């Protein structure tokens, strides 16, 4: 299952999220929210800040190392 990380340029929480996924060995696809369509989709999910992480039917906003660990554990 693919993890998508909706990011914005210069977003500290986005970098922390992607760095944590790299350390945990979680593959992900970065999605640029500077592109209007991507921003509109994140907003349609109810989010106003980056990053927005999508994993299957689950999604969240912000840097959540606890949830990144859960994804890593489920992929082993």
PDB file of N, CA and C in Angstrom:
ATOM      1  N   UNK A   1       0.844  -1.164   0.000  1.00  0.00           N
ATOM      2  CA  UNK A   1       0.000   0.000   0.000  1.00  0.00           C
ATOM      3  C   UNK A   1       0.903   1.245   0.000  1.00  0.00           C
ATOM      4  N   UNK A   2       0.611   2.193  -0.855  1.00  0.00           N
ATOM      5  CA  UNK A   2       1.430   3.383  -0.998  1.00  0.00           C
ATOM      6  C   UNK A   2       1.059   4.456   0.022  1.00  0.00           C
ATOM      7  N   UNK A   3       2.073   5.060   0.602  1.00  0.00           N
ATOM      8  CA  UNK A   3       1.887   6.196   1.491  1.00  0.00           C
ATOM      9  C   UNK A   3       2.118   7.450   0.654  1.00  0.00           C
ATOM     10  N   UNK A   4       1.203   8.389   0.741  1.00  0.00           N
ATOM     11  CA  UNK A   4       1.369   9.666   0.062  1.00  0.00           C
ATOM     12  C   UNK A   4       1.540  10.746   1.123  1.00  0.00           C
ATOM     13  N   UNK A   5       2.529  11.616   0.914  1.00  0.00           N
ATOM     14  CA  UNK A   5       2.782  12.718   1.829  1.00  0.00           C
ATOM     15  C   UNK A   5       2.579  14.012   1.049  1.00  0.00           C
ATOM     16  N   UNK A   6       1.496  14.702   1.358  1.00  0.00           N
ATOM     17  CA  UNK A   6       1.196  15.988   0.730  1.00  0.00           C
ATOM     18  C   UNK A   6       2.022  17.047   1.452  1.00  0.00           C
ATOM     19  N   UNK A   7       2.895  17.736   0.708  1.00  0.00           N
ATOM     20  CA  UNK A   7       3.863  18.642   1.295  1.00  0.00           C
ATOM     21  C   UNK A   7       3.778  20.037   0.689  1.00  0.00           C
ATOM     22  N   UNK A   8       4.407  20.979   1.389  1.00  0.00           N
ATOM     23  CA  UNK A   8       4.580  22.341   0.886  1.00  0.00           C
ATOM     24  C   UNK A   8       6.062  22.698   0.959  1.00  0.00           C
ATOM     25  N   UNK A   9       6.542  23.511   0.028  1.00  0.00           N
ATOM     26  CA  UNK A   9       7.949  23.935   0.086  1.00  0.00           C
ATOM     27  C   UNK A   9       8.242  24.661   1.396  1.00  0.00           C
ATOM     28  N   UNK A  10       9.376  24.336   2.004  1.00  0.00           N
ATOM     29  CA  UNK A  10       9.786  24.990   3.235  1.00  0.00           C
ATOM     30  C   UNK A  10       9.055  24.538   4.483  1.00  0.00           C
ATOM     31  N   UNK A  11       8.270  23.499   4.390  1.00  0.00           N
ATOM     32  CA  UNK A  11       7.480  23.007   5.528  1.00  0.00           C
ATOM     33  C   UNK A  11       8.356  22.129   6.429  1.00  0.00           C
ATOM     34  N   UNK A  12       8.592  22.600   7.649  1.00  0.00           N
ATOM     35  CA  UNK A  12       9.439  21.876   8.596  1.00  0.00           C
ATOM     36  C   UNK A  12       8.804  20.544   8.987  1.00  0.00           C
ATOM     37  N   UNK A  13       7.510  20.534   9.294  1.00  0.00           N
ATOM     38  CA  UNK A  13       6.846  19.287   9.679  1.00  0.00           C
ATOM     39  C   UNK A  13       6.853  18.281   8.527  1.00  0.00           C
ATOM     40  N   UNK A  14       6.795  18.779   7.295  1.00  0.00           N
ATOM     41  CA  UNK A  14       6.857  17.888   6.132  1.00  0.00           C
ATOM     42  C   UNK A  14       8.216  17.191   6.079  1.00  0.00           C
ATOM     43  N   UNK A  15       9.285  17.974   6.278  1.00  0.00           N
ATOM     44  CA  UNK A  15      10.631  17.392   6.263  1.00  0.00           C
ATOM     45  C   UNK A  15      10.801  16.387   7.389  1.00  0.00           C
ATOM     46  N   UNK A  16      10.309  16.732   8.581  1.00  0.00           N
ATOM     47  CA  UNK A  16      10.397  15.796   9.702  1.00  0.00           C
ATOM     48  C   UNK A  16       9.666  14.502   9.391  1.00  0.00           C
ATOM     49  N   UNK A  17       8.496  14.611   8.779  1.00  0.00           N
ATOM     50  CA  UNK A  17       7.699  13.425   8.437  1.00  0.00           C
ATOM     51  C   UNK A  17       8.437  12.550   7.438  1.00  0.00           C
ATOM     52  N   UNK A  18       8.937  13.145   6.379  1.00  0.00           N
ATOM     53  CA  UNK A  18       9.634  12.352   5.356  1.00  0.00           C
ATOM     54  C   UNK A  18      10.942  11.778   5.884  1.00  0.00           C
ATOM     55  N   UNK A  19      11.669  12.521   6.721  1.00  0.00           N
ATOM     56  CA  UNK A  19      12.894  11.994   7.329  1.00  0.00           C
ATOM     57  C   UNK A  19      12.586  10.800   8.233  1.00  0.00           C
ATOM     58  N   UNK A  20      11.510  10.893   9.004  1.00  0.00           N
ATOM     59  CA  UNK A  20      11.125   9.780   9.882  1.00  0.00           C
ATOM     60  C   UNK A  20      10.740   8.561   9.051  1.00  0.00           C
ATOM     61  N   UNK A  21      10.041   8.774   7.947  1.00  0.00           N
ATOM     62  CA  UNK A  21       9.681   7.648   7.080  1.00  0.00           C
ATOM     63  C   UNK A  21      10.924   7.026   6.465  1.00  0.00           C
ATOM     64  N   UNK A  22      11.882   7.854   6.068  1.00  0.00           N
ATOM     65  CA  UNK A  22      13.142   7.325   5.536  1.00  0.00           C
ATOM     66  C   UNK A  22      13.850   6.473   6.585  1.00  0.00           C
ATOM     67  N   UNK A  23      13.935   6.980   7.823  1.00  0.00           N
ATOM     68  CA  UNK A  23      14.602   6.229   8.896  1.00  0.00           C
ATOM     69  C   UNK A  23      13.891   4.914   9.212  1.00  0.00           C
ATOM     70  N   UNK A  24      12.566   4.904   9.125  1.00  0.00           N
ATOM     71  CA  UNK A  24      11.785   3.706   9.437  1.00  0.00           C
ATOM     72  C   UNK A  24      11.681   2.762   8.237  1.00  0.00           C
ATOM     73  N   UNK A  25      12.180   3.192   7.077  1.00  0.00           N
ATOM     74  CA  UNK A  25      12.113   2.354   5.878  1.00  0.00           C
ATOM     75  C   UNK A  25      10.730   2.321   5.253  1.00  0.00           C
ATOM     76  N   UNK A  26       9.940   3.362   5.462  1.00  0.00           N
ATOM     77  CA  UNK A  26       8.591   3.432   4.904  1.00  0.00           C
ATOM     78  C   UNK A  26       8.665   4.133   3.550  1.00  0.00           C
ATOM     79  N   UNK A  27       8.361   3.426   2.466  1.00  0.00           N
ATOM     80  CA  UNK A  27       8.359   4.096   1.160  1.00  0.00           C
ATOM     81  C   UNK A  27       7.152   5.024   1.051  1.00  0.00           C
ATOM     82  N   UNK A  28       7.359   6.169   0.407  1.00  0.00           N
ATOM     83  CA  UNK A  28       6.273   7.133   0.274  1.00  0.00           C
ATOM     84  C   UNK A  28       6.419   7.886  -1.036  1.00  0.00           C
ATOM     85  N   UNK A  29       5.324   8.499  -1.416  1.00  0.00           N
ATOM     86  CA  UNK A  29       5.282   9.325  -2.612  1.00  0.00           C
ATOM     87  C   UNK A  29       4.984  10.756  -2.176  1.00  0.00           C
ATOM     88  N   UNK A  30       5.923  11.690  -2.382  1.00  0.00           N
ATOM     89  CA  UNK A  30       5.623  13.074  -2.041  1.00  0.00           C
ATOM     90  C   UNK A  30       4.665  13.690  -3.063  1.00  0.00           C
ATOM     91  N   UNK A  31       3.725  14.472  -2.584  1.00  0.00           N
ATOM     92  CA  UNK A  31       2.739  15.142  -3.436  1.00  0.00           C
ATOM     93  C   UNK A  31       2.798  16.631  -3.108  1.00  0.00           C
ATOM     94  N   UNK A  32       3.041  17.451  -4.099  1.00  0.00           N
ATOM     95  CA  UNK A  32       3.240  18.887  -3.907  1.00  0.00           C
ATOM     96  C   UNK A  32       1.908  19.620  -3.775  1.00  0.00           C
ATOM     97  N   UNK A  33       1.655  20.176  -2.585  1.00  0.00           N
ATOM     98  CA  UNK A  33       0.421  20.929  -2.377  1.00  0.00           C
ATOM     99  C   UNK A  33       0.498  22.345  -2.927  1.00  0.00           C
ATOM    100  N   UNK A  34       1.638  22.728  -3.503  1.00  0.00           N
ATOM    101  CA  UNK A  34       1.708  24.012  -4.192  1.00  0.00           C
ATOM    102  C   UNK A  34       0.926  23.937  -5.509  1.00  0.00           C
ATOM    103  N   UNK A  35       0.638  22.720  -5.958  1.00  0.00           N
ATOM    104  CA  UNK A  35      -0.207  22.510  -7.132  1.00  0.00           C
ATOM    105  C   UNK A  35      -1.660  22.564  -6.663  1.00  0.00           C
ATOM    106  N   UNK A  36      -2.432  23.426  -7.261  1.00  0.00           N
ATOM    107  CA  UNK A  36      -3.788  23.732  -6.793  1.00  0.00           C
ATOM    108  C   UNK A  36      -4.663  22.486  -6.642  1.00  0.00           C
ATOM    109  N   UNK A  37      -4.591  21.556  -7.586  1.00  0.00           N
ATOM    110  CA  UNK A  37      -5.427  20.338  -7.510  1.00  0.00           C
ATOM    111  C   UNK A  37      -5.107  19.534  -6.261  1.00  0.00           C
ATOM    112  N   UNK A  38      -3.821  19.426  -5.937  1.00  0.00           N
ATOM    113  CA  UNK A  38      -3.408  18.663  -4.759  1.00  0.00           C
ATOM    114  C   UNK A  38      -3.840  19.363  -3.472  1.00  0.00           C
ATOM    115  N   UNK A  39      -3.705  20.686  -3.448  1.00  0.00           N
ATOM    116  CA  UNK A  39      -4.157  21.460  -2.300  1.00  0.00           C
ATOM    117  C   UNK A  39      -5.660  21.307  -2.104  1.00  0.00           C
ATOM    118  N   UNK A  40      -6.400  21.373  -3.191  1.00  0.00           N
ATOM    119  CA  UNK A  40      -7.861  21.236  -3.124  1.00  0.00           C
ATOM    120  C   UNK A  40      -8.242  19.862  -2.566  1.00  0.00           C
ATOM    121  N   UNK A  41      -7.508  18.814  -2.961  1.00  0.00           N
ATOM    122  CA  UNK A  41      -7.826  17.476  -2.454  1.00  0.00           C
ATOM    123  C   UNK A  41      -7.571  17.399  -0.946  1.00  0.00           C
ATOM    124  N   UNK A  42      -6.431  17.927  -0.494  1.00  0.00           N
ATOM    125  CA  UNK A  42      -6.135  17.906   0.947  1.00  0.00           C
ATOM    126  C   UNK A  42      -7.198  18.675   1.722  1.00  0.00           C
ATOM    127  N   UNK A  43      -7.622  19.808   1.186  1.00  0.00           N
ATOM    128  CA  UNK A  43      -8.669  20.586   1.843  1.00  0.00           C
ATOM    129  C   UNK A  43     -10.000  19.845   1.852  1.00  0.00           C
ATOM    130  N   UNK A  44     -10.263  19.063   0.797  1.00  0.00           N
ATOM    131  CA  UNK A  44     -11.518  18.297   0.744  1.00  0.00           C
ATOM    132  C   UNK A  44     -11.572  17.232   1.834  1.00  0.00           C
ATOM    133  N   UNK A  45     -10.395  16.828   2.325  1.00  0.00           N
ATOM    134  CA  UNK A  45     -10.330  15.870   3.433  1.00  0.00           C
ATOM    135  C   UNK A  45     -10.490  16.570   4.781  1.00  0.00           C
ATOM    136  N   UNK A  46     -10.513  17.903   4.750  1.00  0.00           N
ATOM    137  CA  UNK A  46     -10.717  18.671   5.973  1.00  0.00           C
ATOM    138  C   UNK A  46      -9.457  19.254   6.577  1.00  0.00           C
ATOM    139  N   UNK A  47      -8.342  19.200   5.853  1.00  0.00           N
ATOM    140  CA  UNK A  47      -7.075  19.676   6.402  1.00  0.00           C
ATOM    141  C   UNK A  47      -6.735  21.071   5.907  1.00  0.00           C
ATOM    142  N   UNK A  48      -6.107  21.840   6.794  1.00  0.00           N
ATOM    143  CA  UNK A  48      -5.694  23.201   6.477  1.00  0.00           C
ATOM    144  C   UNK A  48      -4.187  23.399   6.596  1.00  0.00           C
ATOM    145  N   UNK A  49      -3.461  22.364   7.039  1.00  0.00           N
ATOM    146  CA  UNK A  49      -2.015  22.497   7.209  1.00  0.00           C
ATOM    147  C   UNK A  49      -1.299  21.255   6.700  1.00  0.00           C
ATOM    148  N   UNK A  50      -0.029  21.423   6.423  1.00  0.00           N
ATOM    149  CA  UNK A  50       0.796  20.341   5.894  1.00  0.00           C
ATOM    150  C   UNK A  50       1.691  19.806   7.014  1.00  0.00           C
ATOM    151  N   UNK A  51       2.146  18.583   6.869  1.00  0.00           N
ATOM    152  CA  UNK A  51       1.848  17.649   5.798  1.00  0.00           C
ATOM    153  C   UNK A  51       0.514  16.949   6.031  1.00  0.00           C
ATOM    154  N   UNK A  52      -0.011  16.410   4.961  1.00  0.00           N
ATOM    155  CA  UNK A  52      -1.167  15.524   5.039  1.00  0.00           C
ATOM    156  C   UNK A  52      -0.675  14.171   4.555  1.00  0.00           C
ATOM    157  N   UNK A  53      -0.845  13.152   5.377  1.00  0.00           N
ATOM    158  CA  UNK A  53      -0.369  11.814   5.051  1.00  0.00           C
ATOM    159  C   UNK A  53      -1.564  10.921   4.790  1.00  0.00           C
ATOM    160  N   UNK A  54      -1.535  10.219   3.654  1.00  0.00           N
ATOM    161  CA  UNK A  54      -2.587   9.274   3.295  1.00  0.00           C
ATOM    162  C   UNK A  54      -1.987   7.880   3.226  1.00  0.00           C
ATOM    163  N   UNK A  55      -2.642   6.940   3.898  1.00  0.00           N
ATOM    164  CA  UNK A  55      -2.205   5.546   3.904  1.00  0.00           C
ATOM    165  C   UNK A  55      -3.453   4.690   3.894  1.00  0.00           C
ATOM    166  N   UNK A  56      -3.785   4.159   2.733  1.00  0.00           N
ATOM    167  CA  UNK A  56      -5.016   3.394   2.597  1.00  0.00           C
ATOM    168  C   UNK A  56      -6.207   4.282   2.891  1.00  0.00           C
ATOM    169  N   UNK A  57      -7.065   3.843   3.806  1.00  0.00           N
ATOM    170  CA  UNK A  57      -8.239   4.623   4.197  1.00  0.00           C
ATOM    171  C   UNK A  57      -7.938   5.600   5.331  1.00  0.00           C
ATOM    172  N   UNK A  58      -6.717   5.574   5.844  1.00  0.00           N
ATOM    173  CA  UNK A  58      -6.340   6.441   6.963  1.00  0.00           C
ATOM    174  C   UNK A  58      -5.639   7.682   6.445  1.00  0.00           C
ATOM    175  N   UNK A  59      -5.810   8.782   7.165  1.00  0.00           N
ATOM    176  CA  UNK A  59      -5.076   9.996   6.849  1.00  0.00           C
ATOM    177  C   UNK A  59      -4.995  10.875   8.086  1.00  0.00           C
ATOM    178  N   UNK A  60      -3.950  11.714   8.108  1.00  0.00           N
ATOM    179  CA  UNK A  60      -3.766  12.641   9.213  1.00  0.00           C
ATOM    180  C   UNK A  60      -2.945  13.828   8.733  1.00  0.00           C
ATOM    181  N   UNK A  61      -2.883  14.838   9.578  1.00  0.00           N
ATOM    182  CA  UNK A  61      -2.098  16.028   9.284  1.00  0.00           C
ATOM    183  C   UNK A  61      -1.078  16.232  10.392  1.00  0.00           C
ATOM    184  N   UNK A  62       0.090  16.743  10.020  1.00  0.00           N
ATOM    185  CA  UNK A  62       1.127  17.053  10.998  1.00  0.00           C
ATOM    186  C   UNK A  62       2.143  15.938  11.134  1.00  0.00           C
ATOM    187  N   UNK A  63       3.156  16.203  11.925  1.00  0.00           N
ATOM    188  CA  UNK A  63       4.222  15.235  12.182  1.00  0.00           C
ATOM    189  C   UNK A  63       3.772  14.283  13.267  1.00  0.00           C
ATOM    190  N   UNK A  64       3.549  13.024  12.890  1.00  0.00           N
ATOM    191  CA  UNK A  64       3.037  12.003  13.819  1.00  0.00           C
ATOM    192  C   UNK A  64       3.962  10.780  13.815  1.00  0.00           C
ATOM    193  N   UNK A  65       5.077  10.832  14.569  1.00  0.00           N
ATOM    194  CA  UNK A  65       6.000   9.697  14.581  1.00  0.00           C
ATOM    195  C   UNK A  65       5.354   8.413  15.073  1.00  0.00           C
ATOM    196  N   UNK A  66       4.338   8.516  15.940  1.00  0.00           N
ATOM    197  CA  UNK A  66       3.657   7.315  16.423  1.00  0.00           C
ATOM    198  C   UNK A  66       2.948   6.590  15.285  1.00  0.00           C
ATOM    199  N   UNK A  67       2.303   7.346  14.404  1.00  0.00           N
ATOM    200  CA  UNK A  67       1.596   6.724  13.290  1.00  0.00           C
ATOM    201  C   UNK A  67       2.570   6.223  12.214  1.00  0.00           C
ATOM    202  N   UNK A  68       3.684   6.912  12.055  1.00  0.00           N
ATOM    203  CA  UNK A  68       4.710   6.447  11.110  1.00  0.00           C
ATOM    204  C   UNK A  68       5.263   5.112  11.581  1.00  0.00           C
ATOM    205  N   UNK A  69       5.481   4.970  12.878  1.00  0.00           N
ATOM    206  CA  UNK A  69       5.953   3.690  13.437  1.00  0.00           C
ATOM    207  C   UNK A  69       4.937   2.580  13.205  1.00  0.00           C
ATOM    208  N   UNK A  70       3.656   2.889  13.339  1.00  0.00           N
ATOM    209  CA  UNK A  70       2.619   1.887  13.090  1.00  0.00           C
ATOM    210  C   UNK A  70       2.650   1.424  11.641  1.00  0.00           C
ATOM    211  N   UNK A  71       2.826   2.349  10.706  1.00  0.00           N
ATOM    212  CA  UNK A  71       2.920   1.969   9.290  1.00  0.00           C
ATOM    213  C   UNK A  71       4.132   1.087   9.078  1.00  0.00           C
ATOM    214  N   UNK A  72       5.270   1.491   9.641  1.00  0.00           N
ATOM    215  CA  UNK A  72       6.503   0.699   9.483  1.00  0.00           C
ATOM    216  C   UNK A  72       6.306  -0.719  10.026  1.00  0.00           C
ATOM    217  N   UNK A  73       5.675  -0.842  11.170  1.00  0.00           N
ATOM    218  CA  UNK A  73       5.445  -2.163  11.780  1.00  0.00           C
ATOM    219  C   UNK A  73       4.501  -3.003  10.916  1.00  0.00           C
ATOM    220  N   UNK A  74       3.517  -2.367  10.302  1.00  0.00           N
ATOM    221  CA  UNK A  74       2.559  -3.120   9.491  1.00  0.00           C
ATOM    222  C   UNK A  74       3.156  -3.594   8.167  1.00  0.00           C
ATOM    223  N   UNK A  75       4.245  -2.969   7.744  1.00  0.00           N
ATOM    224  CA  UNK A  75       4.853  -3.329   6.473  1.00  0.00           C
ATOM    225  C   UNK A  75       5.946  -4.370   6.612  1.00  0.00           C
ATOM    226  N   UNK A  76       6.244  -4.800   7.847  1.00  0.00           N
ATOM    227  CA  UNK A  76       7.305  -5.792   8.049  1.00  0.00           C
ATOM    228  C   UNK A  76       6.788  -7.186   7.909  1.00  0.00           C
TER     229      UNK A  76
END
